[in-house]
């Protein structure tokens, strides 16, 4: 792998995180973590860009799992850089023929190590500052409640399932912040998160397309600002986990969305009927075959626009058909 490919891979991880594709972003970061970067020039602008993007993911990724994996990748790269700098200093000391050159190389390596360690400590301080900021209430209320719920949710050690639990926790955090369930404890909300995700993973054991489709469906409707009743019903256990995952998108939607869907269906039905022939019952025509006047008819413009329409008549009694202009 060359430096261009490395940079492309890092940029792809950033893009996957922006698209909220947590699983793919974590896979890419795992690949980056195991990439032997010691062959690259650490002083190049492209490698510096890679490090900057990884640091951005570590601090500002949308997913907590992506943040953790970005930190692990950053730490792994830092160790490789430090090790290479140390080796370079040792090799320089062995091959140098003068004391002055040896001293200079060792000093450079030591300085490089100090700079890297200083940078790492600075990043750790920034991370600690961000954590303190959140604990002091400077983050959004919903995010704080979500973190509190998530901290009480049992981890499964499966990235997909743990991410699903975070998504469901966000929906219940919204319900808590809306004042829809002040009498429900955070611990109880955490148990609901576990029950819903357990029901999903129990029904779709492969965690495949159907599992992810249901998660997207739940996330969309639980986050819908116009659908507080669904959040309240889940938080108050008016809908149990098994029933919840069997509800259709229509049933999960808000009253406003259901009304809009009904309007769309009615419009579609009207459009479907529009092209059909329009018939009417009449006694104005007498059947020449059976003599009855029970007939239906419809009219079409079969000739030029300035000519009268052609009338098609059908006898209801004997189904005799005729037409006239």
C-alpha atoms as a PDB file:
ATOM      1  CA  UNK A   1       0.000   0.000   0.000  1.00  0.00           C
ATOM      2  CA  UNK A   2       1.331   3.456  -0.921  1.00  0.00           C
ATOM      3  CA  UNK A   3       0.635   6.772   0.826  1.00  0.00           C
ATOM      4  CA  UNK A   4      -2.116   7.725  -1.659  1.00  0.00           C
ATOM      5  CA  UNK A   5      -3.999   4.495  -0.948  1.00  0.00           C
ATOM      6  CA  UNK A   6      -3.575   5.025   2.799  1.00  0.00           C
ATOM      7  CA  UNK A   7      -5.000   8.544   2.549  1.00  0.00           C
ATOM      8  CA  UNK A   8      -7.890   7.267   0.410  1.00  0.00           C
ATOM      9  CA  UNK A   9      -8.713   4.630   3.024  1.00  0.00           C
ATOM     10  CA  UNK A  10      -8.714   7.211   5.835  1.00  0.00           C
ATOM     11  CA  UNK A  11     -10.978   9.533   3.813  1.00  0.00           C
ATOM     12  CA  UNK A  12     -13.323   6.601   3.171  1.00  0.00           C
ATOM     13  CA  UNK A  13     -13.574   5.932   6.923  1.00  0.00           C
ATOM     14  CA  UNK A  14     -14.516   9.594   7.479  1.00  0.00           C
ATOM     15  CA  UNK A  15     -17.167   9.383   4.739  1.00  0.00           C
ATOM     16  CA  UNK A  16     -18.674   6.177   6.154  1.00  0.00           C
ATOM     17  CA  UNK A  17     -18.947   7.848   9.577  1.00  0.00           C
ATOM     18  CA  UNK A  18     -20.663  10.878   8.033  1.00  0.00           C
ATOM     19  CA  UNK A  19     -23.150   8.483   6.392  1.00  0.00           C
ATOM     20  CA  UNK A  20     -23.702   6.840   9.820  1.00  0.00           C
ATOM     21  CA  UNK A  21     -22.414   3.509   8.503  1.00  0.00           C
ATOM     22  CA  UNK A  22     -20.726   2.634  11.785  1.00  0.00           C
ATOM     23  CA  UNK A  23     -19.932  -1.005  11.008  1.00  0.00           C
ATOM     24  CA  UNK A  24     -18.088  -0.185   7.764  1.00  0.00           C
ATOM     25  CA  UNK A  25     -16.192   2.729   9.370  1.00  0.00           C
ATOM     26  CA  UNK A  26     -15.004   0.467  12.211  1.00  0.00           C
ATOM     27  CA  UNK A  27     -13.865  -2.187   9.705  1.00  0.00           C
ATOM     28  CA  UNK A  28     -11.795   0.388   7.791  1.00  0.00           C
ATOM     29  CA  UNK A  29     -10.228   1.729  11.005  1.00  0.00           C
ATOM     30  CA  UNK A  30      -9.387  -1.832  12.044  1.00  0.00           C
ATOM     31  CA  UNK A  31      -7.613  -2.289   8.704  1.00  0.00           C
ATOM     32  CA  UNK A  32      -5.758   1.011   9.166  1.00  0.00           C
ATOM     33  CA  UNK A  33      -4.696  -0.002  12.678  1.00  0.00           C
ATOM     34  CA  UNK A  34      -3.042  -3.169  11.333  1.00  0.00           C
ATOM     35  CA  UNK A  35      -1.410  -1.417   8.346  1.00  0.00           C
ATOM     36  CA  UNK A  36       2.434  -1.401   8.543  1.00  0.00           C
ATOM     37  CA  UNK A  37       3.010   2.343   8.265  1.00  0.00           C
ATOM     38  CA  UNK A  38       6.715   2.248   9.126  1.00  0.00           C
ATOM     39  CA  UNK A  39       7.530   2.233   5.393  1.00  0.00           C
ATOM     40  CA  UNK A  40       6.012   5.689   4.916  1.00  0.00           C
ATOM     41  CA  UNK A  41       7.665   9.073   5.245  1.00  0.00           C
ATOM     42  CA  UNK A  42       6.219  10.461   8.453  1.00  0.00           C
ATOM     43  CA  UNK A  43       7.226  14.005   7.499  1.00  0.00           C
ATOM     44  CA  UNK A  44       5.189  14.045   4.243  1.00  0.00           C
ATOM     45  CA  UNK A  45       2.120  16.259   3.934  1.00  0.00           C
ATOM     46  CA  UNK A  46      -0.121  13.323   2.952  1.00  0.00           C
ATOM     47  CA  UNK A  47       0.831  11.297   6.015  1.00  0.00           C
ATOM     48  CA  UNK A  48       0.186  14.365   8.175  1.00  0.00           C
ATOM     49  CA  UNK A  49      -3.262  14.643   6.539  1.00  0.00           C
ATOM     50  CA  UNK A  50      -3.961  11.003   7.459  1.00  0.00           C
ATOM     51  CA  UNK A  51      -3.071  11.676  11.102  1.00  0.00           C
ATOM     52  CA  UNK A  52      -5.229  14.793  11.175  1.00  0.00           C
ATOM     53  CA  UNK A  53      -8.289  12.933   9.810  1.00  0.00           C
ATOM     54  CA  UNK A  54      -7.831  10.091  12.319  1.00  0.00           C
ATOM     55  CA  UNK A  55      -7.637  12.665  15.145  1.00  0.00           C
ATOM     56  CA  UNK A  56     -10.830  14.318  13.853  1.00  0.00           C
ATOM     57  CA  UNK A  57     -12.631  10.957  13.924  1.00  0.00           C
ATOM     58  CA  UNK A  58     -11.331  10.304  17.437  1.00  0.00           C
ATOM     59  CA  UNK A  59     -12.835  13.560  18.691  1.00  0.00           C
ATOM     60  CA  UNK A  60     -15.874  14.266  16.518  1.00  0.00           C
ATOM     61  CA  UNK A  61     -17.137  10.964  15.041  1.00  0.00           C
ATOM     62  CA  UNK A  62     -20.913  10.488  15.200  1.00  0.00           C
ATOM     63  CA  UNK A  63     -20.526   7.010  16.692  1.00  0.00           C
ATOM     64  CA  UNK A  64     -18.887   6.214  20.023  1.00  0.00           C
ATOM     65  CA  UNK A  65     -17.606   2.925  18.551  1.00  0.00           C
ATOM     66  CA  UNK A  66     -15.887   4.832  15.727  1.00  0.00           C
ATOM     67  CA  UNK A  67     -14.345   7.241  18.261  1.00  0.00           C
ATOM     68  CA  UNK A  68     -12.925   4.339  20.274  1.00  0.00           C
ATOM     69  CA  UNK A  69     -11.542   2.557  17.216  1.00  0.00           C
ATOM     70  CA  UNK A  70     -10.013   5.821  15.886  1.00  0.00           C
ATOM     71  CA  UNK A  71      -8.251   6.295  19.254  1.00  0.00           C
ATOM     72  CA  UNK A  72      -6.892   2.735  19.108  1.00  0.00           C
ATOM     73  CA  UNK A  73      -5.652   3.336  15.549  1.00  0.00           C
ATOM     74  CA  UNK A  74      -4.013   6.618  16.609  1.00  0.00           C
ATOM     75  CA  UNK A  75      -2.275   4.913  19.560  1.00  0.00           C
ATOM     76  CA  UNK A  76      -1.032   2.057  17.331  1.00  0.00           C
ATOM     77  CA  UNK A  77       0.407   4.501  14.794  1.00  0.00           C
ATOM     78  CA  UNK A  78       2.054   6.531  17.556  1.00  0.00           C
ATOM     79  CA  UNK A  79       3.834   3.424  18.865  1.00  0.00           C
ATOM     80  CA  UNK A  80       5.134   2.598  15.363  1.00  0.00           C
ATOM     81  CA  UNK A  81       6.385   6.172  14.874  1.00  0.00           C
ATOM     82  CA  UNK A  82       8.139   6.172  18.266  1.00  0.00           C
ATOM     83  CA  UNK A  83       9.689   2.745  17.605  1.00  0.00           C
ATOM     84  CA  UNK A  84      10.964   3.806  14.179  1.00  0.00           C
ATOM     85  CA  UNK A  85      12.398   7.030  15.569  1.00  0.00           C
ATOM     86  CA  UNK A  86      14.200   5.041  18.293  1.00  0.00           C
ATOM     87  CA  UNK A  87      15.587   2.536  15.765  1.00  0.00           C
ATOM     88  CA  UNK A  88      16.757   5.368  13.547  1.00  0.00           C
ATOM     89  CA  UNK A  89      18.587   6.895  16.478  1.00  0.00           C
ATOM     90  CA  UNK A  90      20.211   3.553  17.407  1.00  0.00           C
ATOM     91  CA  UNK A  91      21.286   2.783  13.821  1.00  0.00           C
ATOM     92  CA  UNK A  92      22.708   6.246  13.460  1.00  0.00           C
ATOM     93  CA  UNK A  93      24.679   5.808  16.671  1.00  0.00           C
ATOM     94  CA  UNK A  94      26.113   2.456  15.524  1.00  0.00           C
ATOM     95  CA  UNK A  95      27.184   3.549  12.063  1.00  0.00           C
ATOM     96  CA  UNK A  96      28.435   7.032  12.894  1.00  0.00           C
ATOM     97  CA  UNK A  97      32.216   7.369  12.863  1.00  0.00           C
ATOM     98  CA  UNK A  98      32.463  10.492  15.030  1.00  0.00           C
ATOM     99  CA  UNK A  99      31.262  11.279  18.509  1.00  0.00           C
ATOM    100  CA  UNK A 100      29.710  14.541  17.347  1.00  0.00           C
ATOM    101  CA  UNK A 101      27.531  12.854  14.719  1.00  0.00           C
ATOM    102  CA  UNK A 102      26.447  10.164  17.210  1.00  0.00           C
ATOM    103  CA  UNK A 103      25.470  12.753  19.784  1.00  0.00           C
ATOM    104  CA  UNK A 104      23.485  14.767  17.219  1.00  0.00           C
ATOM    105  CA  UNK A 105      21.511  11.709  15.998  1.00  0.00           C
ATOM    106  CA  UNK A 106      20.676  10.630  19.550  1.00  0.00           C
ATOM    107  CA  UNK A 107      19.583  14.151  20.399  1.00  0.00           C
ATOM    108  CA  UNK A 108      17.365  14.303  17.305  1.00  0.00           C
ATOM    109  CA  UNK A 109      15.750  10.958  18.145  1.00  0.00           C
ATOM    110  CA  UNK A 110      15.228  12.030  21.754  1.00  0.00           C
ATOM    111  CA  UNK A 111      13.705  15.310  20.631  1.00  0.00           C
ATOM    112  CA  UNK A 112      11.398  13.487  18.214  1.00  0.00           C
ATOM    113  CA  UNK A 113      10.271  11.157  21.001  1.00  0.00           C
ATOM    114  CA  UNK A 114       9.671  14.094  23.306  1.00  0.00           C
ATOM    115  CA  UNK A 115       7.623  15.887  20.646  1.00  0.00           C
ATOM    116  CA  UNK A 116       5.469  12.818  20.029  1.00  0.00           C
ATOM    117  CA  UNK A 117       4.946  12.223  23.742  1.00  0.00           C
ATOM    118  CA  UNK A 118       4.142  15.898  24.262  1.00  0.00           C
ATOM    119  CA  UNK A 119       1.616  15.785  21.411  1.00  0.00           C
ATOM    120  CA  UNK A 120       0.027  12.646  22.841  1.00  0.00           C
ATOM    121  CA  UNK A 121      -0.271  14.237  26.305  1.00  0.00           C
ATOM    122  CA  UNK A 122      -1.829  17.334  24.745  1.00  0.00           C
ATOM    123  CA  UNK A 123      -4.436  15.211  22.944  1.00  0.00           C
ATOM    124  CA  UNK A 124      -5.205  13.332  26.162  1.00  0.00           C
ATOM    125  CA  UNK A 125      -5.707  16.642  27.972  1.00  0.00           C
ATOM    126  CA  UNK A 126      -8.084  17.807  25.220  1.00  0.00           C
ATOM    127  CA  UNK A 127     -10.002  14.542  25.506  1.00  0.00           C
ATOM    128  CA  UNK A 128     -10.229  14.923  29.280  1.00  0.00           C
ATOM    129  CA  UNK A 129     -11.410  18.512  28.807  1.00  0.00           C
ATOM    130  CA  UNK A 130     -14.159  17.354  26.423  1.00  0.00           C
ATOM    131  CA  UNK A 131     -15.235  14.734  28.940  1.00  0.00           C
ATOM    132  CA  UNK A 132     -15.316  17.322  31.757  1.00  0.00           C
ATOM    133  CA  UNK A 133     -17.297  19.698  29.558  1.00  0.00           C
ATOM    134  CA  UNK A 134     -19.937  17.044  28.989  1.00  0.00           C
ATOM    135  CA  UNK A 135     -20.084  16.151  32.687  1.00  0.00           C
ATOM    136  CA  UNK A 136     -20.497  19.827  33.595  1.00  0.00           C
ATOM    137  CA  UNK A 137     -23.623  20.033  31.430  1.00  0.00           C
ATOM    138  CA  UNK A 138     -22.235  21.908  28.463  1.00  0.00           C
ATOM    139  CA  UNK A 139     -23.306  19.143  26.040  1.00  0.00           C
ATOM    140  CA  UNK A 140     -26.888  18.831  24.833  1.00  0.00           C
ATOM    141  CA  UNK A 141     -29.394  17.483  27.328  1.00  0.00           C
ATOM    142  CA  UNK A 142     -30.456  14.667  24.998  1.00  0.00           C
ATOM    143  CA  UNK A 143     -26.858  13.486  24.493  1.00  0.00           C
ATOM    144  CA  UNK A 144     -26.267  13.493  28.252  1.00  0.00           C
ATOM    145  CA  UNK A 145     -29.416  11.452  28.907  1.00  0.00           C
ATOM    146  CA  UNK A 146     -28.489   9.079  26.069  1.00  0.00           C
ATOM    147  CA  UNK A 147     -25.020   8.539  27.570  1.00  0.00           C
ATOM    148  CA  UNK A 148     -26.554   7.952  30.989  1.00  0.00           C
ATOM    149  CA  UNK A 149     -28.988   5.366  29.599  1.00  0.00           C
ATOM    150  CA  UNK A 150     -26.241   3.751  27.496  1.00  0.00           C
ATOM    151  CA  UNK A 151     -23.965   3.500  30.542  1.00  0.00           C
ATOM    152  CA  UNK A 152     -26.583   1.354  32.269  1.00  0.00           C
ATOM    153  CA  UNK A 153     -27.223  -0.846  29.231  1.00  0.00           C
ATOM    154  CA  UNK A 154     -25.431  -4.194  29.231  1.00  0.00           C
ATOM    155  CA  UNK A 155     -22.775  -4.467  26.504  1.00  0.00           C
ATOM    156  CA  UNK A 156     -22.914  -7.439  24.133  1.00  0.00           C
ATOM    157  CA  UNK A 157     -19.334  -7.141  22.796  1.00  0.00           C
ATOM    158  CA  UNK A 158     -20.841  -7.098  19.293  1.00  0.00           C
ATOM    159  CA  UNK A 159     -20.341  -3.799  17.444  1.00  0.00           C
ATOM    160  CA  UNK A 160     -23.611  -4.061  15.485  1.00  0.00           C
ATOM    161  CA  UNK A 161     -25.759  -4.904  18.489  1.00  0.00           C
ATOM    162  CA  UNK A 162     -24.111  -2.310  20.755  1.00  0.00           C
ATOM    163  CA  UNK A 163     -24.616   0.366  18.106  1.00  0.00           C
ATOM    164  CA  UNK A 164     -28.284  -0.632  17.795  1.00  0.00           C
ATOM    165  CA  UNK A 165     -28.680  -0.211  21.539  1.00  0.00           C
ATOM    166  CA  UNK A 166     -27.212   3.296  21.338  1.00  0.00           C
ATOM    167  CA  UNK A 167     -29.716   4.218  18.601  1.00  0.00           C
ATOM    168  CA  UNK A 168     -32.682   2.934  20.626  1.00  0.00           C
ATOM    169  CA  UNK A 169     -31.335   4.693  23.737  1.00  0.00           C
ATOM    170  CA  UNK A 170     -31.354   7.991  21.814  1.00  0.00           C
ATOM    171  CA  UNK A 171     -35.073   7.596  21.048  1.00  0.00           C
ATOM    172  CA  UNK A 172     -35.880   6.971  24.717  1.00  0.00           C
ATOM    173  CA  UNK A 173     -33.650   9.895  25.708  1.00  0.00           C
ATOM    174  CA  UNK A 174     -35.864  12.092  23.520  1.00  0.00           C
ATOM    175  CA  UNK A 175     -38.946  10.825  25.357  1.00  0.00           C
ATOM    176  CA  UNK A 176     -37.298  11.575  28.725  1.00  0.00           C
ATOM    177  CA  UNK A 177     -36.296  15.107  27.691  1.00  0.00           C
ATOM    178  CA  UNK A 178     -39.793  15.812  26.308  1.00  0.00           C
ATOM    179  CA  UNK A 179     -41.213  15.181  29.773  1.00  0.00           C
ATOM    180  CA  UNK A 180     -43.278  12.259  28.520  1.00  0.00           C
ATOM    181  CA  UNK A 181     -41.982   9.820  31.118  1.00  0.00           C
ATOM    182  CA  UNK A 182     -40.585  11.683  34.133  1.00  0.00           C
ATOM    183  CA  UNK A 183     -41.873   8.901  36.384  1.00  0.00           C
ATOM    184  CA  UNK A 184     -39.767   6.295  34.514  1.00  0.00           C
ATOM    185  CA  UNK A 185     -36.257   5.785  35.901  1.00  0.00           C
ATOM    186  CA  UNK A 186     -33.144   5.803  33.711  1.00  0.00           C
ATOM    187  CA  UNK A 187     -32.470   2.201  34.765  1.00  0.00           C
ATOM    188  CA  UNK A 188     -35.928   1.171  33.551  1.00  0.00           C
ATOM    189  CA  UNK A 189     -35.314   2.883  30.210  1.00  0.00           C
ATOM    190  CA  UNK A 190     -32.012   0.996  29.916  1.00  0.00           C
ATOM    191  CA  UNK A 191     -33.845  -2.305  30.480  1.00  0.00           C
ATOM    192  CA  UNK A 192     -36.312  -1.395  27.708  1.00  0.00           C
ATOM    193  CA  UNK A 193     -33.382  -0.762  25.348  1.00  0.00           C
ATOM    194  CA  UNK A 194     -32.009  -4.225  26.125  1.00  0.00           C
ATOM    195  CA  UNK A 195     -35.423  -5.889  25.684  1.00  0.00           C
ATOM    196  CA  UNK A 196     -36.067  -4.287  22.292  1.00  0.00           C
ATOM    197  CA  UNK A 197     -32.609  -5.110  20.919  1.00  0.00           C
ATOM    198  CA  UNK A 198     -32.727  -8.644  22.386  1.00  0.00           C
ATOM    199  CA  UNK A 199     -36.063  -9.201  20.645  1.00  0.00           C
ATOM    200  CA  UNK A 200     -34.566  -7.992  17.338  1.00  0.00           C
ATOM    201  CA  UNK A 201     -31.422 -10.116  17.595  1.00  0.00           C
ATOM    202  CA  UNK A 202     -33.543 -13.089  18.667  1.00  0.00           C
ATOM    203  CA  UNK A 203     -35.784 -12.794  15.615  1.00  0.00           C
ATOM    204  CA  UNK A 204     -33.006 -12.010  13.121  1.00  0.00           C
ATOM    205  CA  UNK A 205     -30.071 -13.969  14.512  1.00  0.00           C
ATOM    206  CA  UNK A 206     -27.785 -13.245  11.527  1.00  0.00           C
ATOM    207  CA  UNK A 207     -28.053  -9.459  12.170  1.00  0.00           C
ATOM    208  CA  UNK A 208     -28.469  -9.115   8.417  1.00  0.00           C
ATOM    209  CA  UNK A 209     -30.617  -6.968   6.137  1.00  0.00           C
ATOM    210  CA  UNK A 210     -33.908  -7.519   7.977  1.00  0.00           C
ATOM    211  CA  UNK A 211     -32.338  -6.680  11.354  1.00  0.00           C
ATOM    212  CA  UNK A 212     -30.779  -3.478   9.990  1.00  0.00           C
ATOM    213  CA  UNK A 213     -33.973  -2.530   8.112  1.00  0.00           C
ATOM    214  CA  UNK A 214     -36.000  -2.811  11.326  1.00  0.00           C
ATOM    215  CA  UNK A 215     -33.389  -0.731  13.195  1.00  0.00           C
ATOM    216  CA  UNK A 216     -33.592   2.007  10.536  1.00  0.00           C
ATOM    217  CA  UNK A 217     -37.394   1.867  10.722  1.00  0.00           C
ATOM    218  CA  UNK A 218     -37.408   2.192  14.513  1.00  0.00           C
ATOM    219  CA  UNK A 219     -34.749   4.922  14.503  1.00  0.00           C
ATOM    220  CA  UNK A 220     -36.629   6.989  11.908  1.00  0.00           C
ATOM    221  CA  UNK A 221     -39.956   6.829  13.738  1.00  0.00           C
ATOM    222  CA  UNK A 222     -38.525   7.204  17.262  1.00  0.00           C
ATOM    223  CA  UNK A 223     -36.549  10.298  16.212  1.00  0.00           C
ATOM    224  CA  UNK A 224     -39.498  11.846  14.326  1.00  0.00           C
ATOM    225  CA  UNK A 225     -40.283  15.154  16.123  1.00  0.00           C
ATOM    226  CA  UNK A 226     -43.974  14.667  15.210  1.00  0.00           C
ATOM    227  CA  UNK A 227     -44.176  11.204  16.767  1.00  0.00           C
ATOM    228  CA  UNK A 228     -43.885  11.715  20.568  1.00  0.00           C
ATOM    229  CA  UNK A 229     -46.717   9.241  21.242  1.00  0.00           C
ATOM    230  CA  UNK A 230     -44.622   6.318  19.971  1.00  0.00           C
ATOM    231  CA  UNK A 231     -41.699   7.274  22.228  1.00  0.00           C
ATOM    232  CA  UNK A 232     -44.017   7.646  25.233  1.00  0.00           C
ATOM    233  CA  UNK A 233     -45.736   4.300  24.538  1.00  0.00           C
ATOM    234  CA  UNK A 234     -42.396   2.477  24.387  1.00  0.00           C
ATOM    235  CA  UNK A 235     -41.037   4.197  27.515  1.00  0.00           C
ATOM    236  CA  UNK A 236     -44.209   3.388  29.516  1.00  0.00           C
ATOM    237  CA  UNK A 237     -44.224  -0.218  28.213  1.00  0.00           C
ATOM    238  CA  UNK A 238     -47.605   0.288  26.549  1.00  0.00           C
ATOM    239  CA  UNK A 239     -45.983  -1.517  23.610  1.00  0.00           C
ATOM    240  CA  UNK A 240     -43.843  -4.494  24.584  1.00  0.00           C
ATOM    241  CA  UNK A 241     -40.627  -5.319  22.720  1.00  0.00           C
ATOM    242  CA  UNK A 242     -42.026  -8.331  20.824  1.00  0.00           C
ATOM    243  CA  UNK A 243     -45.031  -6.368  19.568  1.00  0.00           C
ATOM    244  CA  UNK A 244     -42.888  -3.342  18.716  1.00  0.00           C
ATOM    245  CA  UNK A 245     -40.576  -5.186  16.305  1.00  0.00           C
ATOM    246  CA  UNK A 246     -43.583  -6.725  14.518  1.00  0.00           C
ATOM    247  CA  UNK A 247     -45.258  -3.358  13.838  1.00  0.00           C
ATOM    248  CA  UNK A 248     -45.206  -2.155  10.249  1.00  0.00           C
ATOM    249  CA  UNK A 249     -43.830   1.203   9.179  1.00  0.00           C
ATOM    250  CA  UNK A 250     -47.424   2.422   8.825  1.00  0.00           C
ATOM    251  CA  UNK A 251     -48.271   1.394  12.390  1.00  0.00           C
ATOM    252  CA  UNK A 252     -45.101   2.973  13.815  1.00  0.00           C
ATOM    253  CA  UNK A 253     -45.683   6.286  12.051  1.00  0.00           C
ATOM    254  CA  UNK A 254     -47.279   9.389  13.556  1.00  0.00           C
ATOM    255  CA  UNK A 255     -50.950  10.274  12.994  1.00  0.00           C
ATOM    256  CA  UNK A 256     -49.873  12.978  10.562  1.00  0.00           C
ATOM    257  CA  UNK A 257     -47.765  10.535   8.542  1.00  0.00           C
ATOM    258  CA  UNK A 258     -50.577   7.960   8.467  1.00  0.00           C
ATOM    259  CA  UNK A 259     -52.988  10.634   7.217  1.00  0.00           C
ATOM    260  CA  UNK A 260     -50.485  11.644   4.511  1.00  0.00           C
ATOM    261  CA  UNK A 261     -50.055   7.991   3.440  1.00  0.00           C
ATOM    262  CA  UNK A 262     -53.847   7.558   3.256  1.00  0.00           C
ATOM    263  CA  UNK A 263     -54.095  10.668   1.078  1.00  0.00           C
ATOM    264  CA  UNK A 264     -51.410   9.258  -1.242  1.00  0.00           C
ATOM    265  CA  UNK A 265     -53.288   5.940  -1.526  1.00  0.00           C
ATOM    266  CA  UNK A 266     -56.580   7.662  -2.302  1.00  0.00           C
ATOM    267  CA  UNK A 267     -54.905   9.774  -4.958  1.00  0.00           C
ATOM    268  CA  UNK A 268     -53.294   6.664  -6.505  1.00  0.00           C
ATOM    269  CA  UNK A 269     -56.643   4.842  -6.559  1.00  0.00           C
ATOM    270  CA  UNK A 270     -58.291   7.833  -8.235  1.00  0.00           C
ATOM    271  CA  UNK A 271     -55.539   7.908 -10.862  1.00  0.00           C
ATOM    272  CA  UNK A 272     -55.938   4.174 -11.468  1.00  0.00           C
ATOM    273  CA  UNK A 273     -59.687   4.519 -12.052  1.00  0.00           C
ATOM    274  CA  UNK A 274     -59.348   7.595 -14.241  1.00  0.00           C
ATOM    275  CA  UNK A 275     -58.476   5.605 -17.384  1.00  0.00           C
ATOM    276  CA  UNK A 276     -61.408   3.180 -17.098  1.00  0.00           C
ATOM    277  CA  UNK A 277     -64.580   3.432 -19.182  1.00  0.00           C
ATOM    278  CA  UNK A 278     -67.452   5.292 -17.503  1.00  0.00           C
ATOM    279  CA  UNK A 279     -70.822   3.528 -17.861  1.00  0.00           C
ATOM    280  CA  UNK A 280     -74.285   4.483 -16.646  1.00  0.00           C
ATOM    281  CA  UNK A 281     -77.614   2.648 -16.353  1.00  0.00           C
ATOM    282  CA  UNK A 282     -80.459   3.955 -18.510  1.00  0.00           C
ATOM    283  CA  UNK A 283     -83.888   3.099 -19.953  1.00  0.00           C
ATOM    284  CA  UNK A 284     -83.468   5.506 -22.852  1.00  0.00           C
ATOM    285  CA  UNK A 285     -82.517   2.749 -25.295  1.00  0.00           C
ATOM    286  CA  UNK A 286     -84.511  -0.308 -26.347  1.00  0.00           C
ATOM    287  CA  UNK A 287     -82.707  -3.545 -27.218  1.00  0.00           C
ATOM    288  CA  UNK A 288     -83.498  -4.643 -30.744  1.00  0.00           C
ATOM    289  CA  UNK A 289     -82.906  -8.303 -29.808  1.00  0.00           C
ATOM    290  CA  UNK A 290     -84.975  -8.845 -26.631  1.00  0.00           C
ATOM    291  CA  UNK A 291     -86.990  -5.627 -26.496  1.00  0.00           C
ATOM    292  CA  UNK A 292     -85.888  -4.730 -22.939  1.00  0.00           C
ATOM    293  CA  UNK A 293     -84.858  -1.194 -21.887  1.00  0.00           C
ATOM    294  CA  UNK A 294     -82.415  -2.150 -19.134  1.00  0.00           C
ATOM    295  CA  UNK A 295     -79.157  -0.937 -20.686  1.00  0.00           C
ATOM    296  CA  UNK A 296     -75.797   0.561 -19.852  1.00  0.00           C
ATOM    297  CA  UNK A 297     -73.889   2.908 -22.126  1.00  0.00           C
ATOM    298  CA  UNK A 298     -70.695   4.907 -22.485  1.00  0.00           C
ATOM    299  CA  UNK A 299     -69.445   7.446 -25.011  1.00  0.00           C
ATOM    300  CA  UNK A 300     -66.114   7.877 -26.785  1.00  0.00           C
ATOM    301  CA  UNK A 301     -64.802  10.429 -29.279  1.00  0.00           C
ATOM    302  CA  UNK A 302     -63.970   8.018 -32.108  1.00  0.00           C
ATOM    303  CA  UNK A 303     -64.010  10.569 -34.933  1.00  0.00           C
ATOM    304  CA  UNK A 304     -62.729  14.111 -35.381  1.00  0.00           C
ATOM    305  CA  UNK A 305     -63.338  16.668 -32.635  1.00  0.00           C
ATOM    306  CA  UNK A 306     -66.072  18.487 -34.584  1.00  0.00           C
ATOM    307  CA  UNK A 307     -68.095  15.247 -34.964  1.00  0.00           C
ATOM    308  CA  UNK A 308     -70.515  13.984 -32.267  1.00  0.00           C
ATOM    309  CA  UNK A 309     -69.362  11.276 -29.849  1.00  0.00           C
ATOM    310  CA  UNK A 310     -70.103   7.603 -30.534  1.00  0.00           C
ATOM    311  CA  UNK A 311     -72.438   5.968 -28.003  1.00  0.00           C
ATOM    312  CA  UNK A 312     -71.882   2.284 -27.129  1.00  0.00           C
ATOM    313  CA  UNK A 313     -74.907   0.505 -25.590  1.00  0.00           C
ATOM    314  CA  UNK A 314     -75.086  -2.902 -23.878  1.00  0.00           C
ATOM    315  CA  UNK A 315     -78.333  -4.693 -22.980  1.00  0.00           C
ATOM    316  CA  UNK A 316     -78.207  -5.929 -19.364  1.00  0.00           C
ATOM    317  CA  UNK A 317     -80.784  -8.653 -20.125  1.00  0.00           C
ATOM    318  CA  UNK A 318     -79.232 -10.396 -23.157  1.00  0.00           C
ATOM    319  CA  UNK A 319     -75.871  -8.592 -23.400  1.00  0.00           C
ATOM    320  CA  UNK A 320     -76.624  -7.456 -26.934  1.00  0.00           C
ATOM    321  CA  UNK A 321     -74.304  -4.632 -27.976  1.00  0.00           C
ATOM    322  CA  UNK A 322     -74.755  -1.828 -30.509  1.00  0.00           C
ATOM    323  CA  UNK A 323     -73.501   1.670 -31.203  1.00  0.00           C
ATOM    324  CA  UNK A 324     -74.667   4.872 -32.868  1.00  0.00           C
ATOM    325  CA  UNK A 325     -73.456   8.393 -33.439  1.00  0.00           C
END
